[in-house]
Amino acid sequence: MMISRKRAWAFGVGAAFIYAAAQTFQIAAIFKDVPVAELYLYELPVWLGVIVVSPIVFWLARRLPLFGPRAGRNFLAHLAAGTVVLLLQFVLIELTRRVVITPLVLNTIASTAPALKYAHLADDHSVLMQAWIAFRIYVVFFLFVYFAAVVLHLSVRYHEELSAERLHAQELQTLLARSQLDSLRLQLHPHFLFNTLNTVSSLMTRDVALARRTLARLSDLLRQTLSDSATHEVSLAGELEFLAAYVDIQSARFGPRLVVEKQIQPAAAKILVPRMLLQPLVENSIHHGMRDGDSPLVICIEAVVESGVLELKVIDNGVGLRNPKLIENVGLRNTRERLERLYGTAQEMRIEATSGEGFCVVMRLPARAAEEPPREQLRREIA
């Protein structure tokens, strides 16, 4: 996690104060008769000077990157530029000592002869000469500091760029996955609508009133399908409500030949599942499992939660797997792909079926509870 620029600068200034204190204790071992406070005040401009010239160093680091095809040429350019920057730094240090620190020390701290002598050490030279003397003594050390600052700035910059690229790649991947899910869900709508309209069409020649009621139920079903269409998951309870509307439509066609049972654990009803997960599976059982004659097709939907996993089963007592290609039909293939897109390797879908012994689809999903909708949203839905 990257820190803000303000915090980074505050950290740098704090580090300058702390490092100046550490250097002061080393100098105090040599100048034992000079007050520590005076030594600290003369040492502080050195490290605050590093902070002052750091924007120039960072600008040079961006203009002359040390990594890449021109690294050697840029390194030589940094040697020249760093020398100029360090000379400027020492001029600022000596100027600050002459204008600010020395008057402050003479008026407050320096009262003994050693203290006064230390305060007047540089009086024999001008600011530029004293800066040049200090530069010649410390240039090698501060060149290391300069290059350390350059490398640190480039490392932070490259890390930020890499993080931004990764974030952009993740956003693109999320958008791609979302568009693929939308595409898969939209494949179900015309398939489901076509089959439902066929049901209504067959009723028109037998019971017009029932066909009208079925069309009204279809209207309710489509309204539920289109509501909040951007959401890919709903609670299992909501999915079962949607399924109930679909089963009502199919019951108008098949009557007592179609029986749908539900065995839902109370905790499972609150778990999130993909929208339109159960409808294509029930439709598959009706379309491929209905027996000839008056024998009822019993479809049982079971749901239990155990060890953080929701296990869903859609079981029927139909004719079973008469055609191996049945596994690859639109509803089952679409369901498998949607589960893979949403949950990756955290999901499992398998089919258990043999000829004449029914059909069973077993799904295992991560158990994530649905959030309770806000009360105002509930009022709008009720209204």
Protein backbone atom coordinates (compact mmCIF):
# COMPACT_ATOMS: atom_id res chain seq x y z
CA MET A 1 0.00 0.00 0.00
CA MET A 2 1.48 3.32 -1.11
CA ILE A 3 1.51 6.31 1.26
CA SER A 4 0.44 9.80 0.19
CA ARG A 5 2.97 12.40 -0.94
CA LYS A 6 2.29 14.60 2.09
CA ARG A 7 3.08 11.70 4.42
CA ALA A 8 6.17 10.82 2.41
CA TRP A 9 7.50 14.40 2.72
CA ALA A 10 6.63 14.47 6.44
CA PHE A 11 8.50 11.19 6.87
CA GLY A 12 11.52 12.63 5.03
CA VAL A 13 11.63 15.77 7.19
CA GLY A 14 11.26 13.66 10.34
CA ALA A 15 14.07 11.40 9.19
CA ALA A 16 16.29 14.48 8.63
CA PHE A 17 15.71 15.65 12.21
CA ILE A 18 16.43 12.18 13.60
CA TYR A 19 19.54 11.60 11.49
CA ALA A 20 20.86 15.06 12.41
CA ALA A 21 20.46 14.09 16.06
CA ALA A 22 22.38 10.85 15.50
CA GLN A 23 25.22 12.74 13.79
CA THR A 24 25.24 15.30 16.60
CA PHE A 25 26.02 12.66 19.20
CA GLN A 26 29.03 11.54 17.15
CA ILE A 27 30.29 15.12 16.83
CA ALA A 28 29.70 15.70 20.55
CA ALA A 29 32.26 13.02 21.31
CA ILE A 30 34.88 15.26 19.63
CA PHE A 31 33.68 18.71 20.79
CA LYS A 32 32.93 17.80 24.39
CA ASP A 33 32.90 21.38 25.68
CA VAL A 34 30.36 22.64 23.11
CA PRO A 35 26.65 22.36 24.05
CA VAL A 36 24.84 19.55 22.30
CA ALA A 37 22.03 21.92 21.29
CA GLU A 38 24.51 24.15 19.44
CA LEU A 39 26.05 21.18 17.64
CA TYR A 40 22.56 19.98 16.65
CA LEU A 41 21.59 23.37 15.24
CA TYR A 42 24.71 23.46 13.05
CA GLU A 43 24.20 19.86 11.89
CA LEU A 44 20.47 20.21 11.11
CA PRO A 45 20.87 22.32 7.89
CA VAL A 46 22.99 19.55 6.37
CA TRP A 47 20.15 17.03 6.34
CA LEU A 48 17.38 19.52 5.78
CA GLY A 49 19.42 20.61 2.76
CA VAL A 50 19.10 17.06 1.42
CA ILE A 51 15.31 17.42 1.67
CA VAL A 52 15.39 20.86 -0.01
CA VAL A 53 17.31 19.68 -3.09
CA SER A 54 15.47 16.34 -3.35
CA PRO A 55 12.82 17.71 -5.82
CA ILE A 56 15.70 18.52 -8.19
CA VAL A 57 17.15 15.05 -7.67
CA PHE A 58 13.79 13.42 -8.35
CA TRP A 59 13.31 15.50 -11.50
CA LEU A 60 16.73 14.43 -12.75
CA ALA A 61 15.88 10.80 -11.90
CA ARG A 62 12.81 10.98 -14.13
CA ARG A 63 14.66 12.72 -16.95
CA LEU A 64 17.70 10.42 -16.79
CA PRO A 65 16.53 6.91 -15.83
CA LEU A 66 19.31 4.61 -14.67
CA PHE A 67 17.57 1.52 -16.07
CA GLY A 68 17.27 0.89 -19.77
CA PRO A 69 19.30 1.07 -22.97
CA ARG A 70 20.85 4.46 -22.09
CA ALA A 71 21.77 3.60 -18.51
CA GLY A 72 25.54 4.15 -18.98
CA ARG A 73 25.15 7.56 -20.61
CA ASN A 74 22.58 8.63 -18.02
CA PHE A 75 24.88 7.52 -15.19
CA LEU A 76 27.61 9.85 -16.43
CA ALA A 77 25.06 12.62 -16.78
CA HIS A 78 23.99 12.01 -13.17
CA LEU A 79 27.61 12.33 -12.01
CA ALA A 80 27.83 15.78 -13.55
CA ALA A 81 24.35 16.86 -12.50
CA GLY A 82 24.78 15.41 -9.01
CA THR A 83 28.01 17.36 -8.52
CA VAL A 84 26.23 20.63 -9.35
CA VAL A 85 23.28 19.76 -7.10
CA LEU A 86 25.59 18.91 -4.18
CA LEU A 87 27.52 22.14 -4.61
CA LEU A 88 24.22 24.01 -4.51
CA GLN A 89 23.27 22.06 -1.40
CA PHE A 90 26.46 23.06 0.45
CA VAL A 91 25.98 26.71 -0.53
CA LEU A 92 22.48 26.56 0.98
CA ILE A 93 23.85 24.86 4.10
CA GLU A 94 26.54 27.51 4.69
CA LEU A 95 24.14 30.34 3.89
CA THR A 96 21.62 28.99 6.41
CA ARG A 97 24.32 28.66 9.05
CA ARG A 98 25.55 32.24 8.52
CA VAL A 99 22.14 33.92 8.27
CA VAL A 100 20.03 31.86 10.71
CA ILE A 101 21.98 29.45 12.93
CA THR A 102 24.97 31.58 14.00
CA PRO A 103 22.89 34.61 15.14
CA LEU A 104 20.52 32.25 16.96
CA VAL A 105 23.37 30.43 18.73
CA LEU A 106 25.21 33.60 19.73
CA ASN A 107 22.07 35.13 21.24
CA THR A 108 20.83 32.05 23.11
CA ILE A 109 23.20 29.08 23.58
CA ALA A 110 26.84 30.10 23.16
CA SER A 111 28.06 31.51 26.47
CA THR A 112 31.33 29.66 27.06
CA ALA A 113 34.59 30.17 25.19
CA PRO A 114 34.45 26.76 23.39
CA ALA A 115 30.88 27.44 22.34
CA LEU A 116 31.73 30.89 20.98
CA LYS A 117 34.80 29.55 19.21
CA TYR A 118 32.73 26.80 17.51
CA ALA A 119 30.19 29.39 16.38
CA HIS A 120 32.93 31.47 14.71
CA LEU A 121 34.82 28.56 13.04
CA ALA A 122 33.80 29.57 9.53
CA ASP A 123 34.22 33.34 9.89
CA ASP A 124 37.60 33.30 8.11
CA HIS A 125 35.99 32.28 4.78
CA SER A 126 33.15 33.52 2.63
CA VAL A 127 29.98 31.46 2.19
CA LEU A 128 31.08 30.19 -1.23
CA MET A 129 34.59 29.31 -0.04
CA GLN A 130 33.30 27.48 3.02
CA ALA A 131 30.77 25.63 0.81
CA TRP A 132 33.60 24.63 -1.54
CA ILE A 133 35.75 23.36 1.36
CA ALA A 134 32.85 21.25 2.72
CA PHE A 135 32.02 20.02 -0.76
CA ARG A 136 35.55 18.70 -1.34
CA ILE A 137 35.49 16.87 1.98
CA TYR A 138 32.04 15.27 1.72
CA VAL A 139 31.40 15.00 -2.04
CA VAL A 140 31.95 11.23 -2.23
CA PHE A 141 29.63 10.45 0.67
CA PHE A 142 26.86 12.72 -0.59
CA LEU A 143 27.18 11.36 -4.12
CA PHE A 144 26.26 7.99 -2.63
CA VAL A 145 23.30 9.69 -0.94
CA TYR A 146 22.38 11.31 -4.27
CA PHE A 147 22.38 8.01 -6.18
CA ALA A 148 20.52 6.28 -3.36
CA ALA A 149 17.79 8.93 -3.67
CA VAL A 150 17.70 8.47 -7.46
CA VAL A 151 17.37 4.68 -7.21
CA LEU A 152 14.75 4.97 -4.45
CA HIS A 153 12.67 7.41 -6.48
CA LEU A 154 12.86 5.25 -9.62
CA SER A 155 11.95 2.14 -7.63
CA VAL A 156 8.89 3.81 -6.13
CA ARG A 157 7.90 5.20 -9.52
CA TYR A 158 8.25 1.83 -11.26
CA HIS A 159 6.28 0.18 -8.47
CA GLU A 160 3.46 2.71 -8.89
CA GLU A 161 3.42 2.19 -12.66
CA LEU A 162 3.42 -1.59 -12.24
CA SER A 163 0.58 -1.38 -9.70
CA ALA A 164 -1.41 0.87 -12.05
CA GLU A 165 -0.87 -1.58 -14.93
CA ARG A 166 -1.96 -4.51 -12.77
CA LEU A 167 -5.04 -2.62 -11.60
CA HIS A 168 -5.88 -1.73 -15.20
CA ALA A 169 -5.42 -5.36 -16.25
CA GLN A 170 -7.68 -6.52 -13.40
CA GLU A 171 -10.34 -3.99 -14.39
CA LEU A 172 -10.18 -5.18 -18.00
CA GLN A 173 -10.41 -8.79 -16.85
CA THR A 174 -13.42 -7.96 -14.67
CA LEU A 175 -15.15 -6.17 -17.55
CA LEU A 176 -14.43 -9.10 -19.85
CA ALA A 177 -15.80 -11.61 -17.35
CA ARG A 178 -18.90 -9.44 -16.82
CA SER A 179 -19.54 -9.15 -20.56
CA GLN A 180 -19.12 -12.91 -20.93
CA LEU A 181 -21.62 -13.52 -18.12
CA ASP A 182 -24.07 -11.11 -19.73
CA SER A 183 -23.67 -12.93 -23.03
CA LEU A 184 -24.25 -16.31 -21.41
CA ARG A 185 -27.35 -15.09 -19.58
CA LEU A 186 -28.78 -13.49 -22.70
CA GLN A 187 -28.44 -16.84 -24.47
CA LEU A 188 -30.97 -18.25 -22.00
CA HIS A 189 -33.64 -15.59 -22.54
CA PRO A 190 -34.67 -16.39 -26.15
CA HIS A 191 -34.36 -20.14 -25.50
CA PHE A 192 -36.56 -19.90 -22.41
CA LEU A 193 -39.04 -17.51 -24.07
CA PHE A 194 -39.38 -19.70 -27.17
CA ASN A 195 -40.21 -22.79 -25.10
CA THR A 196 -42.68 -20.89 -22.90
CA LEU A 197 -44.52 -19.40 -25.89
CA ASN A 198 -44.80 -22.91 -27.30
CA THR A 199 -46.57 -23.90 -24.09
CA VAL A 200 -49.02 -20.99 -24.42
CA SER A 201 -49.57 -21.82 -28.10
CA SER A 202 -50.55 -25.38 -27.26
CA LEU A 203 -53.07 -24.12 -24.69
CA MET A 204 -54.83 -21.76 -27.11
CA THR A 205 -56.60 -24.69 -28.83
CA ARG A 206 -57.72 -26.30 -25.57
CA ASP A 207 -58.36 -23.65 -22.90
CA VAL A 208 -58.27 -19.99 -23.91
CA ALA A 209 -58.87 -18.72 -20.37
CA LEU A 210 -55.97 -20.79 -19.07
CA ALA A 211 -53.80 -19.56 -21.94
CA ARG A 212 -54.57 -15.96 -20.97
CA ARG A 213 -53.69 -16.62 -17.34
CA THR A 214 -50.49 -18.28 -18.50
CA LEU A 215 -49.61 -15.24 -20.61
CA ALA A 216 -50.21 -13.04 -17.56
CA ARG A 217 -47.90 -15.30 -15.55
CA LEU A 218 -45.35 -15.10 -18.36
CA SER A 219 -45.55 -11.31 -18.17
CA ASP A 220 -44.79 -11.49 -14.44
CA LEU A 221 -41.92 -13.85 -15.15
CA LEU A 222 -40.37 -11.58 -17.77
CA ARG A 223 -40.70 -8.62 -15.42
CA GLN A 224 -38.72 -10.51 -12.80
CA THR A 225 -36.15 -11.47 -15.44
CA LEU A 226 -35.57 -7.87 -16.51
CA SER A 227 -35.60 -6.34 -13.02
CA ASP A 228 -32.12 -5.50 -11.76
CA SER A 229 -30.64 -7.21 -14.83
CA ALA A 230 -27.12 -5.96 -13.98
CA THR A 231 -27.00 -8.26 -10.93
CA HIS A 232 -25.61 -11.71 -11.65
CA GLU A 233 -26.49 -13.25 -8.28
CA VAL A 234 -29.63 -13.47 -6.15
CA SER A 235 -30.52 -15.33 -3.00
CA LEU A 236 -31.67 -18.91 -3.44
CA ALA A 237 -35.05 -17.87 -2.04
CA GLY A 238 -35.40 -15.28 -4.81
CA GLU A 239 -34.34 -17.82 -7.43
CA LEU A 240 -36.97 -20.24 -6.12
CA GLU A 241 -39.66 -17.53 -6.44
CA PHE A 242 -38.67 -17.05 -10.06
CA LEU A 243 -38.72 -20.80 -10.61
CA ALA A 244 -42.21 -21.05 -9.06
CA ALA A 245 -43.58 -18.69 -11.75
CA TYR A 246 -42.01 -20.84 -14.46
CA VAL A 247 -43.36 -24.04 -12.92
CA ASP A 248 -46.88 -22.51 -12.83
CA ILE A 249 -46.66 -21.94 -16.59
CA GLN A 250 -45.50 -25.50 -17.24
CA SER A 251 -48.15 -26.90 -14.88
CA ALA A 252 -50.80 -25.25 -17.06
CA ARG A 253 -49.58 -27.45 -19.90
CA PHE A 254 -48.81 -30.72 -18.16
CA GLY A 255 -51.24 -30.58 -15.23
CA PRO A 256 -50.81 -33.41 -12.69
CA ARG A 257 -48.10 -35.00 -14.85
CA LEU A 258 -45.64 -32.44 -13.48
CA VAL A 259 -44.75 -32.39 -9.78
CA VAL A 260 -42.04 -30.13 -8.35
CA GLU A 261 -40.87 -30.71 -4.77
CA LYS A 262 -38.46 -28.61 -2.73
CA GLN A 263 -36.28 -29.64 0.19
CA ILE A 264 -34.49 -26.44 1.13
CA GLN A 265 -32.47 -26.01 4.31
CA PRO A 266 -33.41 -22.65 5.92
CA ALA A 267 -29.78 -21.47 5.94
CA ALA A 268 -29.45 -22.35 2.25
CA ALA A 269 -32.30 -20.02 1.25
CA LYS A 270 -30.13 -16.99 2.08
CA ILE A 271 -27.13 -18.08 -0.03
CA LEU A 272 -26.30 -16.27 -3.27
CA VAL A 273 -26.69 -18.22 -6.52
CA PRO A 274 -26.51 -17.14 -10.18
CA ARG A 275 -29.70 -15.69 -11.66
CA MET A 276 -31.73 -18.20 -13.70
CA LEU A 277 -29.68 -21.09 -12.36
CA LEU A 278 -32.52 -23.53 -11.66
CA GLN A 279 -34.96 -22.70 -14.49
CA PRO A 280 -32.88 -24.16 -17.35
CA LEU A 281 -32.20 -27.29 -15.27
CA VAL A 282 -35.90 -27.81 -14.51
CA GLU A 283 -36.72 -27.08 -18.15
CA ASN A 284 -34.15 -29.70 -19.14
CA SER A 285 -35.85 -32.27 -16.89
CA ILE A 286 -39.27 -31.47 -18.34
CA HIS A 287 -38.15 -31.50 -21.94
CA HIS A 288 -36.02 -34.65 -21.79
CA GLY A 289 -37.39 -36.54 -18.80
CA MET A 290 -41.18 -36.56 -19.33
CA ARG A 291 -42.40 -40.12 -19.79
CA ASP A 292 -45.12 -41.24 -22.18
CA GLY A 293 -48.52 -41.86 -20.69
CA ASP A 294 -49.88 -40.53 -17.41
CA SER A 295 -46.87 -41.24 -15.22
CA PRO A 296 -45.97 -38.03 -13.35
CA LEU A 297 -42.54 -36.47 -13.69
CA VAL A 298 -41.34 -35.64 -10.18
CA ILE A 299 -38.60 -33.03 -9.97
CA CYS A 300 -37.01 -32.53 -6.57
CA ILE A 301 -34.83 -29.53 -5.71
CA GLU A 302 -32.57 -30.01 -2.69
CA ALA A 303 -30.30 -27.44 -1.07
CA VAL A 304 -28.06 -27.79 1.99
CA VAL A 305 -25.17 -25.75 3.40
CA GLU A 306 -22.24 -27.55 4.96
CA SER A 307 -18.68 -26.37 5.74
CA GLY A 308 -19.08 -23.13 3.80
CA VAL A 309 -20.37 -24.88 0.67
CA LEU A 310 -23.87 -24.79 -0.83
CA GLU A 311 -24.86 -28.08 -2.43
CA LEU A 312 -27.75 -27.87 -4.89
CA LYS A 313 -29.39 -30.84 -6.54
CA VAL A 314 -32.03 -30.99 -9.26
CA ILE A 315 -33.28 -34.58 -9.39
CA ASP A 316 -36.01 -36.09 -11.54
CA ASN A 317 -37.47 -39.57 -11.99
CA GLY A 318 -37.64 -39.23 -15.76
CA VAL A 319 -36.31 -41.41 -18.53
CA GLY A 320 -32.71 -40.58 -17.69
CA LEU A 321 -29.82 -40.17 -20.10
CA ARG A 322 -31.09 -41.68 -23.34
CA ASN A 323 -28.73 -39.61 -25.48
CA PRO A 324 -25.13 -38.86 -24.35
CA LYS A 325 -25.29 -35.59 -26.28
CA LEU A 326 -27.91 -34.40 -23.79
CA ILE A 327 -25.10 -33.24 -21.48
CA GLU A 328 -24.04 -30.72 -24.12
CA ASN A 329 -27.41 -29.02 -24.68
CA VAL A 330 -27.84 -25.25 -24.30
CA GLY A 331 -29.19 -25.18 -20.74
CA LEU A 332 -26.63 -27.49 -19.15
CA ARG A 333 -23.65 -26.13 -21.11
CA ASN A 334 -24.66 -22.55 -20.34
CA THR A 335 -25.07 -23.33 -16.63
CA ARG A 336 -21.65 -24.95 -16.44
CA GLU A 337 -19.97 -21.99 -18.18
CA ARG A 338 -21.70 -19.43 -15.97
CA LEU A 339 -20.60 -21.25 -12.82
CA GLU A 340 -17.01 -21.36 -14.10
CA ARG A 341 -17.07 -17.62 -14.90
CA LEU A 342 -18.50 -16.66 -11.52
CA TYR A 343 -16.66 -19.00 -9.17
CA GLY A 344 -13.71 -20.46 -11.06
CA THR A 345 -12.30 -23.57 -9.42
CA ALA A 346 -14.34 -22.96 -6.24
CA GLN A 347 -17.39 -24.56 -7.89
CA GLU A 348 -18.29 -28.04 -9.08
CA MET A 349 -21.04 -29.28 -11.37
CA ARG A 350 -21.57 -32.92 -12.20
CA ILE A 351 -24.31 -34.97 -13.80
CA GLU A 352 -25.47 -38.32 -12.47
CA ALA A 353 -27.75 -40.17 -14.85
CA THR A 354 -28.32 -43.52 -16.50
CA SER A 355 -30.92 -44.66 -18.99
CA GLY A 356 -34.35 -45.18 -17.39
CA GLU A 357 -33.23 -44.16 -13.89
CA GLY A 358 -33.78 -40.42 -13.82
CA PHE A 359 -31.46 -37.48 -14.10
CA CYS A 360 -29.56 -35.58 -11.39
CA VAL A 361 -27.52 -32.38 -11.59
CA VAL A 362 -25.34 -31.69 -8.56
CA MET A 363 -23.78 -28.25 -8.02
CA ARG A 364 -21.44 -27.14 -5.23
CA LEU A 365 -20.89 -23.40 -4.80
CA PRO A 366 -19.18 -21.15 -2.24
CA ALA A 367 -21.75 -20.30 0.45
CA ARG A 368 -22.00 -16.50 0.55
CA ALA A 369 -25.02 -15.02 2.28
CA ALA A 370 -27.06 -12.38 0.44
CA GLU A 371 -27.29 -8.93 2.00
CA GLU A 372 -30.63 -7.74 3.29
CA PRO A 373 -32.08 -5.07 0.95
CA PRO A 374 -32.64 -1.59 2.45
CA ARG A 375 -36.14 -0.96 3.82
CA GLU A 376 -36.80 1.84 1.33
CA GLN A 377 -36.02 -0.54 -1.53
CA LEU A 378 -38.45 -3.05 -0.04
CA ARG A 379 -41.16 -0.39 0.12
CA ARG A 380 -40.58 0.48 -3.56
CA GLU A 381 -40.80 -3.20 -4.54
CA ILE A 382 -44.00 -3.65 -2.54
CA ALA A 383 -45.47 -0.49 -4.08
